[in-house]
Amino acid sequence: MRAINLLPPESFQKQATRRKLAGVVIAGIAYLALLAVVTTLLGGRIGEIESRIEVQRATNDGYQSQILELASMEDLLTEYTAQRATLETILARDVSWGRVLNDLSRVIPDRTWLTSFSGSTNLALDTPGVGSIRMTGVAFDFPDVSAWLRSLDADTFPAGEGTWVSTIVDSLEGEIEVLNYTSQTTLTAAADAQRREDRIPEVNP
């Protein structure tokens, strides 16, 4: 037997509307729940990314500090290289005057003596000798002057070579006739003080 619904048609429409509204509400709640889950996951992911960014930023700051330190070291190395070159030029002809005078005092012949001494360093690397000495002295006779020349060119005075006399003048010491002479000697590498290794420190770049 067919059922007869005595409710008006508006009732069916209201029921259908309520069912649709309930479906929309349920769908909205589900969407909000899903959005909350996604937000939570994204929040954790963003926090992790931010932590990594902070770590990388700290690392970059460390690299920047190292770069600045290296730049400063490079400036110091450039300054050191320039000063080292200057010092090497000076010490390349560094004469040990104390040793030269000490050795010279041992080879002066008995019948001669010195009245003046002057020395100079030769900084020009393309010229022979590390320096030269100029001396004036007194001798009793010409053989004594010859003995003076031989003594400065002997093995007992390795710091000198090429000694020559530029002037010889007769003179008197009281009532004794003497010769005043002027001589010049080139200083060899044996006169070098050998202080480069001690004065110039090595730096490993």
N, C-alpha and C. Protein backbone atom coordinates (compact mmCIF):
# COMPACT_ATOMS: atom_id res chain seq x y z
N MET A 1 0.85 -1.19 0.00
CA MET A 1 0.00 0.00 0.00
C MET A 1 0.89 1.23 0.00
N ARG A 2 0.65 2.17 -0.80
CA ARG A 2 1.49 3.36 -0.96
C ARG A 2 1.28 4.31 0.20
N ALA A 3 2.47 4.80 0.78
CA ALA A 3 2.40 5.73 1.91
C ALA A 3 2.07 7.12 1.40
N ILE A 4 1.25 7.75 2.18
CA ILE A 4 0.82 9.09 1.79
C ILE A 4 1.40 10.07 2.80
N ASN A 5 2.24 11.04 2.34
CA ASN A 5 2.85 12.07 3.20
C ASN A 5 1.97 13.29 3.16
N LEU A 6 1.46 13.61 4.34
CA LEU A 6 0.52 14.73 4.42
C LEU A 6 1.22 16.06 4.69
N LEU A 7 2.62 16.04 4.85
CA LEU A 7 3.34 17.29 5.11
C LEU A 7 3.38 18.15 3.85
N PRO A 8 3.36 19.43 4.05
CA PRO A 8 3.41 20.31 2.87
C PRO A 8 4.79 20.24 2.20
N PRO A 9 4.92 20.59 0.94
CA PRO A 9 6.20 20.55 0.20
C PRO A 9 7.28 21.42 0.84
N GLU A 10 6.90 22.48 1.54
CA GLU A 10 7.91 23.35 2.14
C GLU A 10 8.72 22.61 3.19
N SER A 11 8.09 21.62 3.84
CA SER A 11 8.80 20.86 4.87
C SER A 11 9.93 20.07 4.25
N PHE A 12 9.67 19.46 3.09
CA PHE A 12 10.74 18.72 2.41
C PHE A 12 11.90 19.64 2.02
N GLN A 13 11.61 20.82 1.58
CA GLN A 13 12.66 21.77 1.19
C GLN A 13 13.51 22.20 2.39
N LYS A 14 12.83 22.41 3.54
CA LYS A 14 13.56 22.80 4.74
C LYS A 14 14.49 21.69 5.20
N GLN A 15 13.98 20.42 5.13
CA GLN A 15 14.83 19.30 5.53
C GLN A 15 16.05 19.18 4.62
N ALA A 16 15.82 19.37 3.32
CA ALA A 16 16.94 19.29 2.38
C ALA A 16 17.95 20.41 2.65
N THR A 17 17.45 21.58 2.96
CA THR A 17 18.34 22.72 3.25
C THR A 17 19.16 22.46 4.49
N ARG A 18 18.47 21.88 5.54
CA ARG A 18 19.21 21.59 6.78
C ARG A 18 20.30 20.55 6.54
N ARG A 19 19.98 19.54 5.71
CA ARG A 19 20.99 18.52 5.42
C ARG A 19 22.19 19.13 4.69
N LYS A 20 21.91 20.01 3.74
CA LYS A 20 23.00 20.67 3.01
C LYS A 20 23.84 21.54 3.95
N LEU A 21 23.15 22.27 4.84
CA LEU A 21 23.85 23.14 5.78
C LEU A 21 24.73 22.33 6.72
N ALA A 22 24.17 21.18 7.17
CA ALA A 22 24.95 20.31 8.05
C ALA A 22 26.19 19.80 7.33
N GLY A 23 26.02 19.45 6.04
CA GLY A 23 27.18 18.98 5.26
C GLY A 23 28.24 20.06 5.11
N VAL A 24 27.77 21.30 4.88
CA VAL A 24 28.72 22.42 4.75
C VAL A 24 29.47 22.65 6.05
N VAL A 25 28.72 22.58 7.18
CA VAL A 25 29.36 22.79 8.49
C VAL A 25 30.41 21.73 8.75
N ILE A 26 30.04 20.47 8.47
CA ILE A 26 30.99 19.36 8.69
C ILE A 26 32.22 19.53 7.81
N ALA A 27 31.98 19.91 6.54
CA ALA A 27 33.11 20.13 5.63
C ALA A 27 33.99 21.28 6.12
N GLY A 28 33.34 22.34 6.65
CA GLY A 28 34.12 23.47 7.16
C GLY A 28 34.97 23.07 8.35
N ILE A 29 34.35 22.26 9.26
CA ILE A 29 35.11 21.80 10.43
C ILE A 29 36.29 20.95 10.00
N ALA A 30 36.05 20.06 9.02
CA ALA A 30 37.13 19.21 8.53
C ALA A 30 38.25 20.05 7.90
N TYR A 31 37.84 21.08 7.16
CA TYR A 31 38.83 21.96 6.53
C TYR A 31 39.67 22.70 7.56
N LEU A 32 38.97 23.20 8.62
CA LEU A 32 39.70 23.91 9.67
C LEU A 32 40.67 22.98 10.40
N ALA A 33 40.22 21.73 10.62
CA ALA A 33 41.10 20.76 11.28
C ALA A 33 42.33 20.48 10.41
N LEU A 34 42.07 20.29 9.11
CA LEU A 34 43.19 20.05 8.19
C LEU A 34 44.12 21.25 8.13
N LEU A 35 43.54 22.45 8.12
CA LEU A 35 44.35 23.67 8.09
C LEU A 35 45.21 23.79 9.34
N ALA A 36 44.64 23.40 10.49
CA ALA A 36 45.41 23.45 11.74
C ALA A 36 46.59 22.49 11.69
N VAL A 37 46.34 21.29 11.16
CA VAL A 37 47.43 20.31 11.05
C VAL A 37 48.53 20.82 10.13
N VAL A 38 48.10 21.36 8.96
CA VAL A 38 49.09 21.88 8.00
C VAL A 38 49.87 23.04 8.60
N THR A 39 49.15 23.93 9.31
CA THR A 39 49.82 25.08 9.94
C THR A 39 50.85 24.63 10.97
N THR A 40 50.47 23.61 11.75
CA THR A 40 51.40 23.09 12.75
C THR A 40 52.65 22.51 12.10
N LEU A 41 52.42 21.72 11.04
CA LEU A 41 53.56 21.13 10.34
C LEU A 41 54.45 22.20 9.71
N LEU A 42 53.78 23.18 9.06
CA LEU A 42 54.56 24.26 8.43
C LEU A 42 55.29 25.09 9.47
N GLY A 43 54.64 25.30 10.63
CA GLY A 43 55.30 26.06 11.69
C GLY A 43 56.57 25.38 12.16
N GLY A 44 56.52 24.06 12.35
CA GLY A 44 57.72 23.32 12.73
C GLY A 44 58.79 23.37 11.67
N ARG A 45 58.34 23.26 10.41
CA ARG A 45 59.29 23.30 9.29
C ARG A 45 59.96 24.67 9.19
N ILE A 46 59.14 25.72 9.35
CA ILE A 46 59.68 27.08 9.30
C ILE A 46 60.67 27.32 10.43
N GLY A 47 60.33 26.81 11.63
CA GLY A 47 61.25 26.95 12.76
C GLY A 47 62.58 26.28 12.49
N GLU A 48 62.52 25.08 11.87
CA GLU A 48 63.75 24.37 11.54
C GLU A 48 64.57 25.15 10.52
N ILE A 49 63.88 25.71 9.51
CA ILE A 49 64.57 26.49 8.48
C ILE A 49 65.21 27.73 9.09
N GLU A 50 64.47 28.40 10.00
CA GLU A 50 65.01 29.59 10.65
C GLU A 50 66.25 29.24 11.47
N SER A 51 66.21 28.07 12.13
CA SER A 51 67.38 27.65 12.92
C SER A 51 68.58 27.43 12.00
N ARG A 52 68.33 26.79 10.85
CA ARG A 52 69.42 26.57 9.90
C ARG A 52 69.96 27.90 9.37
N ILE A 53 69.05 28.84 9.14
CA ILE A 53 69.48 30.16 8.66
C ILE A 53 70.37 30.84 9.69
N GLU A 54 70.00 30.74 10.98
CA GLU A 54 70.80 31.35 12.03
C GLU A 54 72.18 30.70 12.11
N VAL A 55 72.20 29.37 11.99
CA VAL A 55 73.49 28.67 12.01
C VAL A 55 74.36 29.10 10.83
N GLN A 56 73.75 29.19 9.64
CA GLN A 56 74.51 29.60 8.46
C GLN A 56 74.98 31.05 8.58
N ARG A 57 74.12 31.90 9.19
CA ARG A 57 74.52 33.30 9.37
C ARG A 57 75.72 33.39 10.31
N ALA A 58 75.70 32.59 11.38
CA ALA A 58 76.84 32.58 12.30
C ALA A 58 78.10 32.08 11.60
N THR A 59 77.92 31.05 10.75
CA THR A 59 79.07 30.54 9.99
C THR A 59 79.62 31.59 9.04
N ASN A 60 78.71 32.30 8.36
CA ASN A 60 79.14 33.36 7.44
C ASN A 60 79.87 34.48 8.18
N ASP A 61 79.37 34.82 9.38
CA ASP A 61 80.05 35.84 10.18
C ASP A 61 81.47 35.39 10.53
N GLY A 62 81.60 34.09 10.84
CA GLY A 62 82.94 33.56 11.13
C GLY A 62 83.86 33.66 9.92
N TYR A 63 83.31 33.32 8.74
CA TYR A 63 84.11 33.43 7.52
C TYR A 63 84.51 34.88 7.26
N GLN A 64 83.58 35.80 7.51
CA GLN A 64 83.87 37.22 7.29
C GLN A 64 84.99 37.69 8.20
N SER A 65 84.96 37.23 9.46
CA SER A 65 86.02 37.59 10.39
C SER A 65 87.36 37.05 9.92
N GLN A 66 87.35 35.80 9.42
CA GLN A 66 88.59 35.21 8.91
C GLN A 66 89.10 35.98 7.70
N ILE A 67 88.17 36.40 6.84
CA ILE A 67 88.58 37.17 5.65
C ILE A 67 89.24 38.48 6.06
N LEU A 68 88.65 39.15 7.06
CA LEU A 68 89.23 40.41 7.54
C LEU A 68 90.60 40.17 8.15
N GLU A 69 90.73 39.08 8.91
CA GLU A 69 92.04 38.76 9.50
C GLU A 69 93.07 38.47 8.43
N LEU A 70 92.65 37.71 7.40
CA LEU A 70 93.58 37.40 6.31
C LEU A 70 93.98 38.65 5.55
N ALA A 71 93.02 39.57 5.37
CA ALA A 71 93.35 40.83 4.69
C ALA A 71 94.37 41.62 5.49
N SER A 72 94.18 41.63 6.82
CA SER A 72 95.14 42.32 7.67
C SER A 72 96.51 41.66 7.60
N MET A 73 96.53 40.32 7.60
CA MET A 73 97.80 39.60 7.51
C MET A 73 98.47 39.85 6.17
N GLU A 74 97.67 39.98 5.11
CA GLU A 74 98.26 40.25 3.80
C GLU A 74 98.92 41.62 3.78
N ASP A 75 98.28 42.61 4.44
CA ASP A 75 98.90 43.94 4.52
C ASP A 75 100.21 43.87 5.30
N LEU A 76 100.20 43.11 6.40
CA LEU A 76 101.43 42.97 7.19
C LEU A 76 102.52 42.27 6.39
N LEU A 77 102.12 41.25 5.61
CA LEU A 77 103.10 40.53 4.80
C LEU A 77 103.69 41.44 3.73
N THR A 78 102.86 42.29 3.13
CA THR A 78 103.35 43.23 2.12
C THR A 78 104.35 44.20 2.74
N GLU A 79 104.00 44.71 3.93
CA GLU A 79 104.91 45.63 4.61
C GLU A 79 106.21 44.93 5.00
N TYR A 80 106.08 43.68 5.49
CA TYR A 80 107.27 42.92 5.87
C TYR A 80 108.18 42.69 4.66
N THR A 81 107.57 42.34 3.51
CA THR A 81 108.36 42.08 2.31
C THR A 81 109.14 43.31 1.88
N ALA A 82 108.48 44.48 1.95
CA ALA A 82 109.15 45.73 1.56
C ALA A 82 110.30 46.05 2.51
N GLN A 83 110.05 45.92 3.81
CA GLN A 83 111.10 46.22 4.79
C GLN A 83 112.22 45.19 4.72
N ARG A 84 111.87 43.94 4.43
CA ARG A 84 112.89 42.91 4.31
C ARG A 84 113.82 43.22 3.13
N ALA A 85 113.22 43.67 2.01
CA ALA A 85 114.04 44.00 0.84
C ALA A 85 115.01 45.14 1.16
N THR A 86 114.51 46.14 1.90
CA THR A 86 115.38 47.26 2.29
C THR A 86 116.51 46.78 3.19
N LEU A 87 116.15 45.95 4.17
CA LEU A 87 117.16 45.45 5.10
C LEU A 87 118.17 44.55 4.41
N GLU A 88 117.71 43.74 3.47
CA GLU A 88 118.63 42.88 2.73
C GLU A 88 119.62 43.70 1.91
N THR A 89 119.14 44.82 1.34
CA THR A 89 120.03 45.69 0.58
C THR A 89 121.12 46.27 1.47
N ILE A 90 120.71 46.67 2.68
CA ILE A 90 121.69 47.26 3.61
C ILE A 90 122.67 46.21 4.11
N LEU A 91 122.13 45.06 4.52
CA LEU A 91 122.98 44.03 5.11
C LEU A 91 123.78 43.25 4.06
N ALA A 92 123.45 43.44 2.78
CA ALA A 92 124.23 42.77 1.75
C ALA A 92 125.68 43.25 1.76
N ARG A 93 125.90 44.47 2.23
CA ARG A 93 127.25 45.02 2.36
C ARG A 93 127.45 45.48 3.80
N ASP A 94 127.24 44.56 4.73
CA ASP A 94 127.33 44.85 6.16
C ASP A 94 128.75 44.51 6.63
N VAL A 95 129.56 45.53 6.82
CA VAL A 95 130.97 45.33 7.18
C VAL A 95 131.12 45.20 8.69
N SER A 96 131.89 44.21 9.10
CA SER A 96 132.23 44.05 10.52
C SER A 96 133.47 44.90 10.81
N TRP A 97 133.24 46.16 11.15
CA TRP A 97 134.36 47.07 11.34
C TRP A 97 135.24 46.67 12.52
N GLY A 98 134.63 46.10 13.54
CA GLY A 98 135.43 45.66 14.68
C GLY A 98 136.44 44.60 14.28
N ARG A 99 135.99 43.63 13.47
CA ARG A 99 136.90 42.57 13.03
C ARG A 99 137.96 43.11 12.08
N VAL A 100 137.56 44.05 11.21
CA VAL A 100 138.53 44.64 10.27
C VAL A 100 139.64 45.36 11.03
N LEU A 101 139.27 46.18 12.01
CA LEU A 101 140.28 46.92 12.77
C LEU A 101 141.15 45.98 13.60
N ASN A 102 140.53 44.95 14.15
CA ASN A 102 141.31 44.00 14.95
C ASN A 102 142.35 43.27 14.08
N ASP A 103 141.91 42.82 12.89
CA ASP A 103 142.85 42.13 11.99
C ASP A 103 143.91 43.09 11.47
N LEU A 104 143.50 44.33 11.22
CA LEU A 104 144.45 45.31 10.70
C LEU A 104 145.56 45.60 11.72
N SER A 105 145.19 45.67 12.99
CA SER A 105 146.19 45.98 14.02
C SER A 105 147.26 44.89 14.12
N ARG A 106 146.95 43.69 13.64
CA ARG A 106 147.89 42.58 13.75
C ARG A 106 148.89 42.53 12.60
N VAL A 107 148.62 43.26 11.51
CA VAL A 107 149.48 43.13 10.33
C VAL A 107 150.29 44.40 10.05
N ILE A 108 150.14 45.42 10.88
CA ILE A 108 150.91 46.65 10.64
C ILE A 108 152.40 46.36 10.88
N PRO A 109 153.25 46.62 9.91
CA PRO A 109 154.70 46.37 10.08
C PRO A 109 155.29 47.21 11.21
N ASP A 110 156.43 46.77 11.71
CA ASP A 110 157.03 47.42 12.87
C ASP A 110 157.45 48.86 12.58
N ARG A 111 157.92 49.15 11.38
CA ARG A 111 158.48 50.47 11.09
C ARG A 111 157.47 51.41 10.43
N THR A 112 156.19 51.11 10.63
CA THR A 112 155.12 52.00 10.13
C THR A 112 154.07 52.15 11.21
N TRP A 113 153.33 53.24 11.14
CA TRP A 113 152.19 53.43 12.04
C TRP A 113 151.15 54.31 11.34
N LEU A 114 149.93 54.18 11.79
CA LEU A 114 148.82 54.90 11.16
C LEU A 114 148.54 56.20 11.90
N THR A 115 148.14 57.20 11.13
CA THR A 115 147.74 58.48 11.72
C THR A 115 146.25 58.77 11.51
N SER A 116 145.62 58.10 10.55
CA SER A 116 144.17 58.28 10.36
C SER A 116 143.61 57.05 9.66
N PHE A 117 142.32 56.86 9.88
CA PHE A 117 141.62 55.71 9.28
C PHE A 117 140.19 56.12 8.97
N SER A 118 139.71 55.77 7.79
CA SER A 118 138.31 56.00 7.43
C SER A 118 137.83 54.83 6.58
N GLY A 119 136.60 54.47 6.79
CA GLY A 119 136.04 53.35 6.03
C GLY A 119 134.66 53.68 5.52
N SER A 120 134.28 53.03 4.44
CA SER A 120 132.95 53.24 3.86
C SER A 120 132.42 51.91 3.34
N THR A 121 131.11 51.81 3.32
CA THR A 121 130.44 50.61 2.81
C THR A 121 129.94 50.88 1.40
N ASN A 122 130.13 49.91 0.54
CA ASN A 122 129.70 50.04 -0.85
C ASN A 122 128.36 49.32 -1.02
N LEU A 123 127.27 50.09 -1.16
CA LEU A 123 125.94 49.49 -1.28
C LEU A 123 125.59 49.10 -2.71
N ALA A 124 126.39 49.50 -3.67
CA ALA A 124 126.12 49.14 -5.06
C ALA A 124 126.55 47.70 -5.30
N LEU A 125 125.56 46.81 -5.49
CA LEU A 125 125.86 45.39 -5.59
C LEU A 125 126.58 45.02 -6.88
N ASP A 126 126.56 45.91 -7.88
CA ASP A 126 127.20 45.59 -9.15
C ASP A 126 128.65 46.04 -9.21
N THR A 127 129.18 46.50 -8.08
CA THR A 127 130.59 46.91 -8.03
C THR A 127 131.34 45.98 -7.09
N PRO A 128 132.63 45.78 -7.33
CA PRO A 128 133.39 44.83 -6.51
C PRO A 128 133.63 45.36 -5.10
N GLY A 129 133.74 44.42 -4.18
CA GLY A 129 134.05 44.79 -2.81
C GLY A 129 132.85 45.22 -2.01
N VAL A 130 132.87 44.92 -0.71
CA VAL A 130 131.77 45.32 0.16
C VAL A 130 132.00 46.71 0.73
N GLY A 131 133.18 47.26 0.51
CA GLY A 131 133.50 48.58 1.01
C GLY A 131 134.96 48.89 0.75
N SER A 132 135.44 49.93 1.39
CA SER A 132 136.85 50.31 1.23
C SER A 132 137.32 51.02 2.48
N ILE A 133 138.63 51.02 2.67
CA ILE A 133 139.23 51.74 3.79
C ILE A 133 140.35 52.62 3.25
N ARG A 134 140.45 53.79 3.82
CA ARG A 134 141.48 54.76 3.42
C ARG A 134 142.28 55.12 4.67
N MET A 135 143.60 55.00 4.56
CA MET A 135 144.45 55.21 5.73
C MET A 135 145.63 56.09 5.36
N THR A 136 146.02 56.92 6.31
CA THR A 136 147.28 57.66 6.18
C THR A 136 148.20 57.16 7.27
N GLY A 137 149.47 57.09 6.95
CA GLY A 137 150.42 56.56 7.91
C GLY A 137 151.81 57.15 7.71
N VAL A 138 152.69 56.69 8.55
CA VAL A 138 154.08 57.16 8.52
C VAL A 138 154.99 55.94 8.45
N ALA A 139 156.01 56.03 7.60
CA ALA A 139 157.01 54.96 7.48
C ALA A 139 158.40 55.61 7.47
N PHE A 140 159.40 54.82 7.85
CA PHE A 140 160.75 55.38 7.88
C PHE A 140 161.37 55.43 6.49
N ASP A 141 161.00 54.48 5.62
CA ASP A 141 161.63 54.45 4.30
C ASP A 141 160.69 53.75 3.32
N PHE A 142 161.07 53.76 2.04
CA PHE A 142 160.24 53.14 1.01
C PHE A 142 160.05 51.64 1.22
N PRO A 143 161.08 50.91 1.63
CA PRO A 143 160.85 49.48 1.90
C PRO A 143 159.78 49.25 2.98
N ASP A 144 159.68 50.18 3.92
CA ASP A 144 158.66 50.05 4.95
C ASP A 144 157.25 50.25 4.36
N VAL A 145 157.14 51.17 3.40
CA VAL A 145 155.86 51.36 2.71
C VAL A 145 155.50 50.10 1.91
N SER A 146 156.52 49.51 1.27
CA SER A 146 156.28 48.26 0.53
C SER A 146 155.83 47.15 1.46
N ALA A 147 156.44 47.09 2.65
CA ALA A 147 156.03 46.08 3.62
C ALA A 147 154.58 46.29 4.05
N TRP A 148 154.19 47.55 4.15
CA TRP A 148 152.79 47.88 4.48
C TRP A 148 151.84 47.37 3.39
N LEU A 149 152.20 47.58 2.14
CA LEU A 149 151.35 47.11 1.04
C LEU A 149 151.25 45.58 1.04
N ARG A 150 152.39 44.92 1.24
CA ARG A 150 152.37 43.45 1.23
C ARG A 150 151.56 42.89 2.39
N SER A 151 151.60 43.54 3.54
CA SER A 151 150.87 43.03 4.71
C SER A 151 149.36 43.10 4.51
N LEU A 152 148.89 44.12 3.78
CA LEU A 152 147.45 44.26 3.56
C LEU A 152 146.93 43.32 2.48
N ASP A 153 147.81 42.85 1.62
CA ASP A 153 147.39 41.92 0.57
C ASP A 153 147.76 40.48 0.90
N ALA A 154 148.22 40.24 2.12
CA ALA A 154 148.61 38.89 2.52
C ALA A 154 147.40 38.12 3.07
N ASP A 155 147.59 36.81 3.23
CA ASP A 155 146.52 35.96 3.77
C ASP A 155 146.18 36.31 5.21
N THR A 156 147.09 36.96 5.90
CA THR A 156 146.84 37.33 7.29
C THR A 156 145.81 38.46 7.41
N PHE A 157 145.49 39.12 6.29
CA PHE A 157 144.45 40.15 6.28
C PHE A 157 143.49 39.84 5.13
N PRO A 158 142.65 38.82 5.29
CA PRO A 158 141.77 38.38 4.18
C PRO A 158 140.69 39.40 3.82
N ALA A 159 140.44 40.36 4.70
CA ALA A 159 139.38 41.34 4.42
C ALA A 159 139.80 42.37 3.39
N GLY A 160 141.10 42.44 3.04
CA GLY A 160 141.56 43.47 2.12
C GLY A 160 142.19 42.90 0.87
N GLU A 161 142.10 43.67 -0.22
CA GLU A 161 142.77 43.31 -1.47
C GLU A 161 142.95 44.57 -2.30
N GLY A 162 143.88 44.49 -3.24
CA GLY A 162 144.10 45.61 -4.15
C GLY A 162 144.56 46.88 -3.46
N THR A 163 145.40 46.74 -2.43
CA THR A 163 145.89 47.92 -1.72
C THR A 163 146.87 48.70 -2.60
N TRP A 164 146.72 50.00 -2.59
CA TRP A 164 147.64 50.84 -3.35
C TRP A 164 147.87 52.14 -2.60
N VAL A 165 149.01 52.75 -2.88
CA VAL A 165 149.39 54.01 -2.24
C VAL A 165 149.19 55.14 -3.24
N SER A 166 148.42 56.12 -2.83
CA SER A 166 148.13 57.23 -3.74
C SER A 166 149.13 58.37 -3.61
N THR A 167 149.63 58.59 -2.41
CA THR A 167 150.61 59.69 -2.22
C THR A 167 151.68 59.26 -1.24
N ILE A 168 152.90 59.74 -1.47
CA ILE A 168 154.01 59.59 -0.53
C ILE A 168 154.72 60.95 -0.47
N VAL A 169 154.87 61.47 0.74
CA VAL A 169 155.47 62.79 0.92
C VAL A 169 156.57 62.71 1.97
N ASP A 170 157.72 63.30 1.65
CA ASP A 170 158.80 63.36 2.64
C ASP A 170 158.39 64.29 3.78
N SER A 171 158.78 63.91 5.00
CA SER A 171 158.44 64.72 6.15
C SER A 171 159.47 64.49 7.25
N LEU A 172 159.28 65.18 8.35
CA LEU A 172 160.17 65.05 9.50
C LEU A 172 159.37 64.72 10.74
N GLU A 173 159.87 63.80 11.51
CA GLU A 173 159.35 63.51 12.84
C GLU A 173 160.44 63.94 13.82
N GLY A 174 160.33 65.17 14.29
CA GLY A 174 161.44 65.74 15.05
C GLY A 174 162.58 66.03 14.09
N GLU A 175 163.69 65.32 14.26
CA GLU A 175 164.83 65.49 13.36
C GLU A 175 165.00 64.28 12.44
N ILE A 176 164.04 63.34 12.49
CA ILE A 176 164.14 62.11 11.70
C ILE A 176 163.33 62.25 10.42
N GLU A 177 163.95 61.92 9.31
CA GLU A 177 163.25 61.95 8.03
C GLU A 177 162.32 60.74 7.92
N VAL A 178 161.08 60.99 7.56
CA VAL A 178 160.09 59.92 7.41
C VAL A 178 159.29 60.16 6.14
N LEU A 179 158.43 59.20 5.84
CA LEU A 179 157.53 59.31 4.69
C LEU A 179 156.09 59.27 5.18
N ASN A 180 155.33 60.28 4.78
CA ASN A 180 153.88 60.26 5.04
C ASN A 180 153.19 59.70 3.79
N TYR A 181 152.37 58.68 3.98
CA TYR A 181 151.74 58.05 2.81
C TYR A 181 150.22 57.93 3.04
N THR A 182 149.54 57.81 1.93
CA THR A 182 148.09 57.57 1.94
C THR A 182 147.81 56.32 1.11
N SER A 183 147.07 55.39 1.68
CA SER A 183 146.78 54.14 0.96
C SER A 183 145.28 53.85 1.02
N GLN A 184 144.86 53.05 0.07
CA GLN A 184 143.45 52.66 0.01
C GLN A 184 143.36 51.17 -0.27
N THR A 185 142.39 50.51 0.38
CA THR A 185 142.21 49.07 0.25
C THR A 185 140.74 48.74 0.02
N THR A 186 140.50 47.82 -0.90
CA THR A 186 139.14 47.34 -1.14
C THR A 186 138.83 46.21 -0.16
N LEU A 187 137.67 46.27 0.46
CA LEU A 187 137.27 45.24 1.41
C LEU A 187 136.57 44.10 0.68
N THR A 188 136.97 42.89 0.99
CA THR A 188 136.40 41.70 0.35
C THR A 188 135.22 41.17 1.17
N ALA A 189 134.65 40.06 0.68
CA ALA A 189 133.52 39.43 1.38
C ALA A 189 133.92 38.93 2.76
N ALA A 190 135.23 38.77 3.00
CA ALA A 190 135.68 38.34 4.32
C ALA A 190 135.39 39.38 5.39
N ALA A 191 135.14 40.62 4.97
CA ALA A 191 134.81 41.68 5.93
C ALA A 191 133.33 41.72 6.26
N ASP A 192 132.53 40.89 5.58
CA ASP A 192 131.09 40.87 5.80
C ASP A 192 130.79 40.40 7.22
N ALA A 193 129.86 41.08 7.88
CA ALA A 193 129.51 40.74 9.26
C ALA A 193 128.66 39.48 9.36
N GLN A 194 128.08 39.04 8.23
CA GLN A 194 127.26 37.82 8.21
C GLN A 194 126.11 37.89 9.23
N ARG A 195 125.38 38.99 9.22
CA ARG A 195 124.29 39.15 10.18
C ARG A 195 122.91 39.06 9.54
N ARG A 196 122.84 38.73 8.25
CA ARG A 196 121.54 38.71 7.57
C ARG A 196 120.60 37.67 8.17
N GLU A 197 121.12 36.47 8.42
CA GLU A 197 120.24 35.41 8.93
C GLU A 197 119.72 35.73 10.32
N ASP A 198 120.55 36.43 11.13
CA ASP A 198 120.12 36.77 12.48
C ASP A 198 119.17 37.97 12.50
N ARG A 199 119.37 38.90 11.59
CA ARG A 199 118.59 40.14 11.61
C ARG A 199 117.30 40.05 10.80
N ILE A 200 117.21 39.11 9.86
CA ILE A 200 116.02 39.01 9.01
C ILE A 200 115.30 37.71 9.32
N PRO A 201 114.20 37.76 10.06
CA PRO A 201 113.47 36.52 10.39
C PRO A 201 112.73 35.98 9.17
N GLU A 202 112.58 34.67 9.14
CA GLU A 202 111.83 34.03 8.07
C GLU A 202 110.35 33.99 8.44
N VAL A 203 109.50 34.28 7.47
CA VAL A 203 108.06 34.24 7.67
C VAL A 203 107.45 33.36 6.61
N ASN A 204 106.68 32.36 7.04
CA ASN A 204 105.99 31.49 6.09
C ASN A 204 104.63 32.07 5.76
N PRO A 205 104.42 32.50 4.50
CA PRO A 205 103.13 33.11 4.15
C PRO A 205 102.01 32.09 4.19
